[in-house]
Amino acid sequence: MPAAYSNDLRQRVIDAYTAKEGSLRQLADRFQVSLSFVQRLIRRYRNIGQVTPKPHAGGAIAKITVENLLTVQQLV
């Protein structure tokens, strides 16, 4: 999974948007990001007033339980 865009870039996109420096598509081209990123960023900014990325939501559930891991370690 790629890393989140920097807060600096996010703030520059929002600043350009609030200054009406172009359409969403033009802003995406200007900052070399996807249109969907600009749309989601602006929606997040409007809803909660933040430009920071969402926190990491977790990951895949481990396939081996703690009990099974001990057995595997003993076998190895």
PDB file of N, CA and C in Angstrom:
ATOM      1  N   MET A   1       0.850  -1.168   0.000  1.00  0.00           N
ATOM      2  CA  MET A   1       0.000   0.000   0.000  1.00  0.00           C
ATOM      3  C   MET A   1       0.896   1.232   0.000  1.00  0.00           C
ATOM      4  N   PRO A   2       0.621   2.183  -0.883  1.00  0.00           N
ATOM      5  CA  PRO A   2       1.472   3.376  -0.939  1.00  0.00           C
ATOM      6  C   PRO A   2       1.288   4.262   0.293  1.00  0.00           C
ATOM      7  N   ALA A   3       2.294   5.065   0.555  1.00  0.00           N
ATOM      8  CA  ALA A   3       2.234   5.977   1.700  1.00  0.00           C
ATOM      9  C   ALA A   3       1.251   7.103   1.420  1.00  0.00           C
ATOM     10  N   ALA A   4       0.725   7.682   2.472  1.00  0.00           N
ATOM     11  CA  ALA A   4      -0.209   8.802   2.340  1.00  0.00           C
ATOM     12  C   ALA A   4       0.535  10.024   1.824  1.00  0.00           C
ATOM     13  N   TYR A   5      -0.178  10.886   1.104  1.00  0.00           N
ATOM     14  CA  TYR A   5       0.408  12.136   0.646  1.00  0.00           C
ATOM     15  C   TYR A   5       0.733  13.008   1.856  1.00  0.00           C
ATOM     16  N   SER A   6       1.745  13.842   1.724  1.00  0.00           N
ATOM     17  CA  SER A   6       2.178  14.691   2.836  1.00  0.00           C
ATOM     18  C   SER A   6       1.099  15.715   3.189  1.00  0.00           C
ATOM     19  N   ASN A   7       1.134  16.157   4.438  1.00  0.00           N
ATOM     20  CA  ASN A   7       0.185  17.181   4.870  1.00  0.00           C
ATOM     21  C   ASN A   7       0.416  18.487   4.127  1.00  0.00           C
ATOM     22  N   ASP A   8       1.680  18.753   3.749  1.00  0.00           N
ATOM     23  CA  ASP A   8       2.000  19.962   2.996  1.00  0.00           C
ATOM     24  C   ASP A   8       1.285  19.961   1.642  1.00  0.00           C
ATOM     25  N   LEU A   9       1.357  18.845   0.935  1.00  0.00           N
ATOM     26  CA  LEU A   9       0.673  18.738  -0.354  1.00  0.00           C
ATOM     27  C   LEU A   9      -0.829  18.862  -0.176  1.00  0.00           C
ATOM     28  N   ARG A  10      -1.355  18.204   0.819  1.00  0.00           N
ATOM     29  CA  ARG A  10      -2.789  18.265   1.081  1.00  0.00           C
ATOM     30  C   ARG A  10      -3.231  19.706   1.340  1.00  0.00           C
ATOM     31  N   GLN A  11      -2.437  20.434   2.130  1.00  0.00           N
ATOM     32  CA  GLN A  11      -2.797  21.822   2.448  1.00  0.00           C
ATOM     33  C   GLN A  11      -2.697  22.709   1.214  1.00  0.00           C
ATOM     34  N   ARG A  12      -1.695  22.467   0.352  1.00  0.00           N
ATOM     35  CA  ARG A  12      -1.570  23.254  -0.879  1.00  0.00           C
ATOM     36  C   ARG A  12      -2.758  23.021  -1.808  1.00  0.00           C
ATOM     37  N   VAL A  13      -3.241  21.798  -1.881  1.00  0.00           N
ATOM     38  CA  VAL A  13      -4.422  21.506  -2.702  1.00  0.00           C
ATOM     39  C   VAL A  13      -5.637  22.256  -2.148  1.00  0.00           C
ATOM     40  N   ILE A  14      -5.833  22.208  -0.839  1.00  0.00           N
ATOM     41  CA  ILE A  14      -6.962  22.902  -0.214  1.00  0.00           C
ATOM     42  C   ILE A  14      -6.834  24.410  -0.405  1.00  0.00           C
ATOM     43  N   ASP A  15      -5.633  24.959  -0.238  1.00  0.00           N
ATOM     44  CA  ASP A  15      -5.431  26.399  -0.426  1.00  0.00           C
ATOM     45  C   ASP A  15      -5.762  26.821  -1.853  1.00  0.00           C
ATOM     46  N   ALA A  16      -5.329  26.018  -2.829  1.00  0.00           N
ATOM     47  CA  ALA A  16      -5.632  26.326  -4.228  1.00  0.00           C
ATOM     48  C   ALA A  16      -7.131  26.218  -4.495  1.00  0.00           C
ATOM     49  N   TYR A  17      -7.771  25.238  -3.867  1.00  0.00           N
ATOM     50  CA  TYR A  17      -9.221  25.068  -4.039  1.00  0.00           C
ATOM     51  C   TYR A  17      -9.988  26.254  -3.453  1.00  0.00           C
ATOM     52  N   THR A  18      -9.621  26.664  -2.238  1.00  0.00           N
ATOM     53  CA  THR A  18     -10.337  27.774  -1.601  1.00  0.00           C
ATOM     54  C   THR A  18     -10.066  29.097  -2.307  1.00  0.00           C
ATOM     55  N   ALA A  19      -8.914  29.220  -2.978  1.00  0.00           N
ATOM     56  CA  ALA A  19      -8.596  30.430  -3.744  1.00  0.00           C
ATOM     57  C   ALA A  19      -9.203  30.377  -5.146  1.00  0.00           C
ATOM     58  N   LYS A  20      -9.936  29.287  -5.430  1.00  0.00           N
ATOM     59  CA  LYS A  20     -10.592  29.085  -6.732  1.00  0.00           C
ATOM     60  C   LYS A  20      -9.591  29.203  -7.896  1.00  0.00           C
ATOM     61  N   GLU A  21      -8.493  28.470  -7.752  1.00  0.00           N
ATOM     62  CA  GLU A  21      -7.436  28.506  -8.760  1.00  0.00           C
ATOM     63  C   GLU A  21      -7.633  27.484  -9.876  1.00  0.00           C
ATOM     64  N   GLY A  22      -8.793  26.886  -9.954  1.00  0.00           N
ATOM     65  CA  GLY A  22      -9.078  25.946 -11.029  1.00  0.00           C
ATOM     66  C   GLY A  22     -10.118  24.931 -10.603  1.00  0.00           C
ATOM     67  N   SER A  23     -10.532  24.144 -11.572  1.00  0.00           N
ATOM     68  CA  SER A  23     -11.497  23.080 -11.292  1.00  0.00           C
ATOM     69  C   SER A  23     -10.792  21.950 -10.548  1.00  0.00           C
ATOM     70  N   LEU A  24     -11.569  21.006 -10.070  1.00  0.00           N
ATOM     71  CA  LEU A  24     -10.985  19.865  -9.367  1.00  0.00           C
ATOM     72  C   LEU A  24     -10.034  19.101 -10.281  1.00  0.00           C
ATOM     73  N   ARG A  25     -10.425  18.935 -11.516  1.00  0.00           N
ATOM     74  CA  ARG A  25      -9.582  18.221 -12.474  1.00  0.00           C
ATOM     75  C   ARG A  25      -8.288  18.987 -12.732  1.00  0.00           C
ATOM     76  N   GLN A  26      -8.377  20.304 -12.842  1.00  0.00           N
ATOM     77  CA  GLN A  26      -7.178  21.115 -13.057  1.00  0.00           C
ATOM     78  C   GLN A  26      -6.249  21.053 -11.844  1.00  0.00           C
ATOM     79  N   LEU A  27      -6.830  21.057 -10.643  1.00  0.00           N
ATOM     80  CA  LEU A  27      -6.009  20.940  -9.435  1.00  0.00           C
ATOM     81  C   LEU A  27      -5.314  19.585  -9.382  1.00  0.00           C
ATOM     82  N   ALA A  28      -6.030  18.541  -9.763  1.00  0.00           N
ATOM     83  CA  ALA A  28      -5.434  17.203  -9.785  1.00  0.00           C
ATOM     84  C   ALA A  28      -4.252  17.161 -10.754  1.00  0.00           C
ATOM     85  N   ASP A  29      -4.419  17.744 -11.930  1.00  0.00           N
ATOM     86  CA  ASP A  29      -3.325  17.781 -12.903  1.00  0.00           C
ATOM     87  C   ASP A  29      -2.168  18.633 -12.391  1.00  0.00           C
ATOM     88  N   ARG A  30      -2.493  19.760 -11.813  1.00  0.00           N
ATOM     89  CA  ARG A  30      -1.460  20.683 -11.318  1.00  0.00           C
ATOM     90  C   ARG A  30      -0.590  20.046 -10.232  1.00  0.00           C
ATOM     91  N   PHE A  31      -1.209  19.324  -9.312  1.00  0.00           N
ATOM     92  CA  PHE A  31      -0.464  18.729  -8.208  1.00  0.00           C
ATOM     93  C   PHE A  31      -0.091  17.267  -8.466  1.00  0.00           C
ATOM     94  N   GLN A  32      -0.398  16.773  -9.648  1.00  0.00           N
ATOM     95  CA  GLN A  32      -0.063  15.421 -10.081  1.00  0.00           C
ATOM     96  C   GLN A  32      -0.592  14.361  -9.124  1.00  0.00           C
ATOM     97  N   VAL A  33      -1.868  14.492  -8.789  1.00  0.00           N
ATOM     98  CA  VAL A  33      -2.580  13.512  -7.980  1.00  0.00           C
ATOM     99  C   VAL A  33      -3.841  13.131  -8.742  1.00  0.00           C
ATOM    100  N   SER A  34      -4.531  12.120  -8.263  1.00  0.00           N
ATOM    101  CA  SER A  34      -5.742  11.689  -8.952  1.00  0.00           C
ATOM    102  C   SER A  34      -6.914  12.614  -8.628  1.00  0.00           C
ATOM    103  N   LEU A  35      -7.869  12.636  -9.522  1.00  0.00           N
ATOM    104  CA  LEU A  35      -9.076  13.420  -9.312  1.00  0.00           C
ATOM    105  C   LEU A  35      -9.824  12.920  -8.085  1.00  0.00           C
ATOM    106  N   SER A  36      -9.878  11.617  -7.901  1.00  0.00           N
ATOM    107  CA  SER A  36     -10.597  11.061  -6.753  1.00  0.00           C
ATOM    108  C   SER A  36      -9.933  11.474  -5.435  1.00  0.00           C
ATOM    109  N   PHE A  37      -8.594  11.595  -5.423  1.00  0.00           N
ATOM    110  CA  PHE A  37      -7.923  12.070  -4.215  1.00  0.00           C
ATOM    111  C   PHE A  37      -8.360  13.490  -3.884  1.00  0.00           C
ATOM    112  N   VAL A  38      -8.400  14.358  -4.888  1.00  0.00           N
ATOM    113  CA  VAL A  38      -8.815  15.748  -4.666  1.00  0.00           C
ATOM    114  C   VAL A  38     -10.254  15.783  -4.169  1.00  0.00           C
ATOM    115  N   GLN A  39     -11.119  14.999  -4.775  1.00  0.00           N
ATOM    116  CA  GLN A  39     -12.525  14.971  -4.358  1.00  0.00           C
ATOM    117  C   GLN A  39     -12.665  14.515  -2.913  1.00  0.00           C
ATOM    118  N   ARG A  40     -11.978  13.430  -2.551  1.00  0.00           N
ATOM    119  CA  ARG A  40     -12.062  12.927  -1.172  1.00  0.00           C
ATOM    120  C   ARG A  40     -11.443  13.894  -0.174  1.00  0.00           C
ATOM    121  N   LEU A  41     -10.349  14.536  -0.556  1.00  0.00           N
ATOM    122  CA  LEU A  41      -9.695  15.504   0.324  1.00  0.00           C
ATOM    123  C   LEU A  41     -10.610  16.689   0.598  1.00  0.00           C
ATOM    124  N   ILE A  42     -11.237  17.203  -0.423  1.00  0.00           N
ATOM    125  CA  ILE A  42     -12.141  18.340  -0.251  1.00  0.00           C
ATOM    126  C   ILE A  42     -13.364  17.934   0.568  1.00  0.00           C
ATOM    127  N   ARG A  43     -13.881  16.746   0.339  1.00  0.00           N
ATOM    128  CA  ARG A  43     -15.024  16.267   1.126  1.00  0.00           C
ATOM    129  C   ARG A  43     -14.636  16.149   2.603  1.00  0.00           C
ATOM    130  N   ARG A  44     -13.443  15.602   2.868  1.00  0.00           N
ATOM    131  CA  ARG A  44     -12.970  15.477   4.251  1.00  0.00           C
ATOM    132  C   ARG A  44     -12.775  16.859   4.877  1.00  0.00           C
ATOM    133  N   TYR A  45     -12.232  17.793   4.109  1.00  0.00           N
ATOM    134  CA  TYR A  45     -12.011  19.147   4.612  1.00  0.00           C
ATOM    135  C   TYR A  45     -13.336  19.839   4.936  1.00  0.00           C
ATOM    136  N   ARG A  46     -14.322  19.665   4.067  1.00  0.00           N
ATOM    137  CA  ARG A  46     -15.647  20.268   4.312  1.00  0.00           C
ATOM    138  C   ARG A  46     -16.332  19.648   5.528  1.00  0.00           C
ATOM    139  N   ASN A  47     -16.251  18.323   5.674  1.00  0.00           N
ATOM    140  CA  ASN A  47     -16.969  17.615   6.734  1.00  0.00           C
ATOM    141  C   ASN A  47     -16.350  17.804   8.108  1.00  0.00           C
ATOM    142  N   ILE A  48     -15.025  17.673   8.213  1.00  0.00           N
ATOM    143  CA  ILE A  48     -14.417  17.734   9.538  1.00  0.00           C
ATOM    144  C   ILE A  48     -13.351  18.813   9.671  1.00  0.00           C
ATOM    145  N   GLY A  49     -13.056  19.524   8.586  1.00  0.00           N
ATOM    146  CA  GLY A  49     -12.109  20.622   8.659  1.00  0.00           C
ATOM    147  C   GLY A  49     -10.659  20.199   8.790  1.00  0.00           C
ATOM    148  N   GLN A  50     -10.338  18.957   8.423  1.00  0.00           N
ATOM    149  CA  GLN A  50      -8.965  18.458   8.513  1.00  0.00           C
ATOM    150  C   GLN A  50      -8.459  18.033   7.150  1.00  0.00           C
ATOM    151  N   VAL A  51      -7.150  18.138   6.984  1.00  0.00           N
ATOM    152  CA  VAL A  51      -6.536  17.646   5.759  1.00  0.00           C
ATOM    153  C   VAL A  51      -5.617  16.463   6.033  1.00  0.00           C
ATOM    154  N   THR A  52      -5.463  16.109   7.302  1.00  0.00           N
ATOM    155  CA  THR A  52      -4.585  14.989   7.656  1.00  0.00           C
ATOM    156  C   THR A  52      -5.198  13.670   7.187  1.00  0.00           C
ATOM    157  N   PRO A  53      -4.359  12.694   6.864  1.00  0.00           N
ATOM    158  CA  PRO A  53      -4.898  11.404   6.425  1.00  0.00           C
ATOM    159  C   PRO A  53      -5.575  10.679   7.574  1.00  0.00           C
ATOM    160  N   LYS A  54      -6.471   9.788   7.230  1.00  0.00           N
ATOM    161  CA  LYS A  54      -7.131   8.963   8.240  1.00  0.00           C
ATOM    162  C   LYS A  54      -6.093   8.046   8.874  1.00  0.00           C
ATOM    163  N   PRO A  55      -6.283   7.667  10.133  1.00  0.00           N
ATOM    164  CA  PRO A  55      -5.327   6.745  10.758  1.00  0.00           C
ATOM    165  C   PRO A  55      -5.417   5.362  10.109  1.00  0.00           C
ATOM    166  N   HIS A  56      -4.343   4.618  10.247  1.00  0.00           N
ATOM    167  CA  HIS A  56      -4.301   3.258   9.720  1.00  0.00           C
ATOM    168  C   HIS A  56      -5.415   2.434  10.354  1.00  0.00           C
ATOM    169  N   ALA A  57      -6.159   1.724   9.546  1.00  0.00           N
ATOM    170  CA  ALA A  57      -7.348   1.027  10.030  1.00  0.00           C
ATOM    171  C   ALA A  57      -7.105  -0.424  10.405  1.00  0.00           C
ATOM    172  N   GLY A  58      -5.874  -0.845  10.455  1.00  0.00           N
ATOM    173  CA  GLY A  58      -5.605  -2.229  10.826  1.00  0.00           C
ATOM    174  C   GLY A  58      -5.020  -3.000   9.667  1.00  0.00           C
ATOM    175  N   GLY A  59      -5.264  -4.256   9.643  1.00  0.00           N
ATOM    176  CA  GLY A  59      -4.724  -5.092   8.589  1.00  0.00           C
ATOM    177  C   GLY A  59      -5.422  -6.430   8.575  1.00  0.00           C
ATOM    178  N   ALA A  60      -4.800  -7.363   7.908  1.00  0.00           N
ATOM    179  CA  ALA A  60      -5.373  -8.695   7.807  1.00  0.00           C
ATOM    180  C   ALA A  60      -5.323  -9.396   9.167  1.00  0.00           C
ATOM    181  N   ILE A  61      -6.300 -10.223   9.421  1.00  0.00           N
ATOM    182  CA  ILE A  61      -6.353 -10.995  10.661  1.00  0.00           C
ATOM    183  C   ILE A  61      -5.351 -12.145  10.550  1.00  0.00           C
ATOM    184  N   ALA A  62      -4.599 -12.359  11.616  1.00  0.00           N
ATOM    185  CA  ALA A  62      -3.587 -13.409  11.615  1.00  0.00           C
ATOM    186  C   ALA A  62      -4.229 -14.776  11.398  1.00  0.00           C
ATOM    187  N   LYS A  63      -3.608 -15.571  10.571  1.00  0.00           N
ATOM    188  CA  LYS A  63      -4.129 -16.901  10.276  1.00  0.00           C
ATOM    189  C   LYS A  63      -3.715 -17.914  11.348  1.00  0.00           C
ATOM    190  N   ILE A  64      -2.630 -17.627  12.048  1.00  0.00           N
ATOM    191  CA  ILE A  64      -2.140 -18.528  13.088  1.00  0.00           C
ATOM    192  C   ILE A  64      -2.433 -17.899  14.446  1.00  0.00           C
ATOM    193  N   THR A  65      -3.103 -18.646  15.300  1.00  0.00           N
ATOM    194  CA  THR A  65      -3.400 -18.158  16.644  1.00  0.00           C
ATOM    195  C   THR A  65      -2.152 -18.248  17.511  1.00  0.00           C
ATOM    196  N   VAL A  66      -2.192 -17.635  18.666  1.00  0.00           N
ATOM    197  CA  VAL A  66      -1.052 -17.645  19.581  1.00  0.00           C
ATOM    198  C   VAL A  66      -0.706 -19.071  19.991  1.00  0.00           C
ATOM    199  N   GLU A  67      -1.722 -19.877  20.260  1.00  0.00           N
ATOM    200  CA  GLU A  67      -1.481 -21.267  20.650  1.00  0.00           C
ATOM    201  C   GLU A  67      -0.799 -22.038  19.520  1.00  0.00           C
ATOM    202  N   ASN A  68      -1.276 -21.843  18.306  1.00  0.00           N
ATOM    203  CA  ASN A  68      -0.681 -22.538  17.159  1.00  0.00           C
ATOM    204  C   ASN A  68       0.729 -22.025  16.872  1.00  0.00           C
ATOM    205  N   LEU A  69       0.975 -20.763  17.137  1.00  0.00           N
ATOM    206  CA  LEU A  69       2.297 -20.201  16.905  1.00  0.00           C
ATOM    207  C   LEU A  69       3.333 -20.874  17.802  1.00  0.00           C
ATOM    208  N   LEU A  70       2.963 -21.143  19.045  1.00  0.00           N
ATOM    209  CA  LEU A  70       3.885 -21.842  19.950  1.00  0.00           C
ATOM    210  C   LEU A  70       4.205 -23.236  19.439  1.00  0.00           C
ATOM    211  N   THR A  71       3.207 -23.916  18.908  1.00  0.00           N
ATOM    212  CA  THR A  71       3.430 -25.259  18.337  1.00  0.00           C
ATOM    213  C   THR A  71       4.367 -25.184  17.140  1.00  0.00           C
ATOM    214  N   VAL A  72       4.164 -24.219  16.274  1.00  0.00           N
ATOM    215  CA  VAL A  72       5.009 -24.052  15.099  1.00  0.00           C
ATOM    216  C   VAL A  72       6.447 -23.756  15.514  1.00  0.00           C
ATOM    217  N   GLN A  73       6.625 -22.901  16.513  1.00  0.00           N
ATOM    218  CA  GLN A  73       7.967 -22.568  16.989  1.00  0.00           C
ATOM    219  C   GLN A  73       8.661 -23.807  17.552  1.00  0.00           C
ATOM    220  N   GLN A  74       7.929 -24.664  18.237  1.00  0.00           N
ATOM    221  CA  GLN A  74       8.519 -25.879  18.776  1.00  0.00           C
ATOM    222  C   GLN A  74       8.924 -26.839  17.662  1.00  0.00           C
ATOM    223  N   LEU A  75       8.113 -26.896  16.613  1.00  0.00           N
ATOM    224  CA  LEU A  75       8.426 -27.776  15.493  1.00  0.00           C
ATOM    225  C   LEU A  75       9.637 -27.292  14.701  1.00  0.00           C
ATOM    226  N   VAL A  76       9.825 -26.016  14.657  1.00  0.00           N
ATOM    227  CA  VAL A  76      10.953 -25.458  13.923  1.00  0.00           C
ATOM    228  C   VAL A  76      12.164 -25.520  14.797  1.00  0.00           C
TER     229      VAL A  76
END
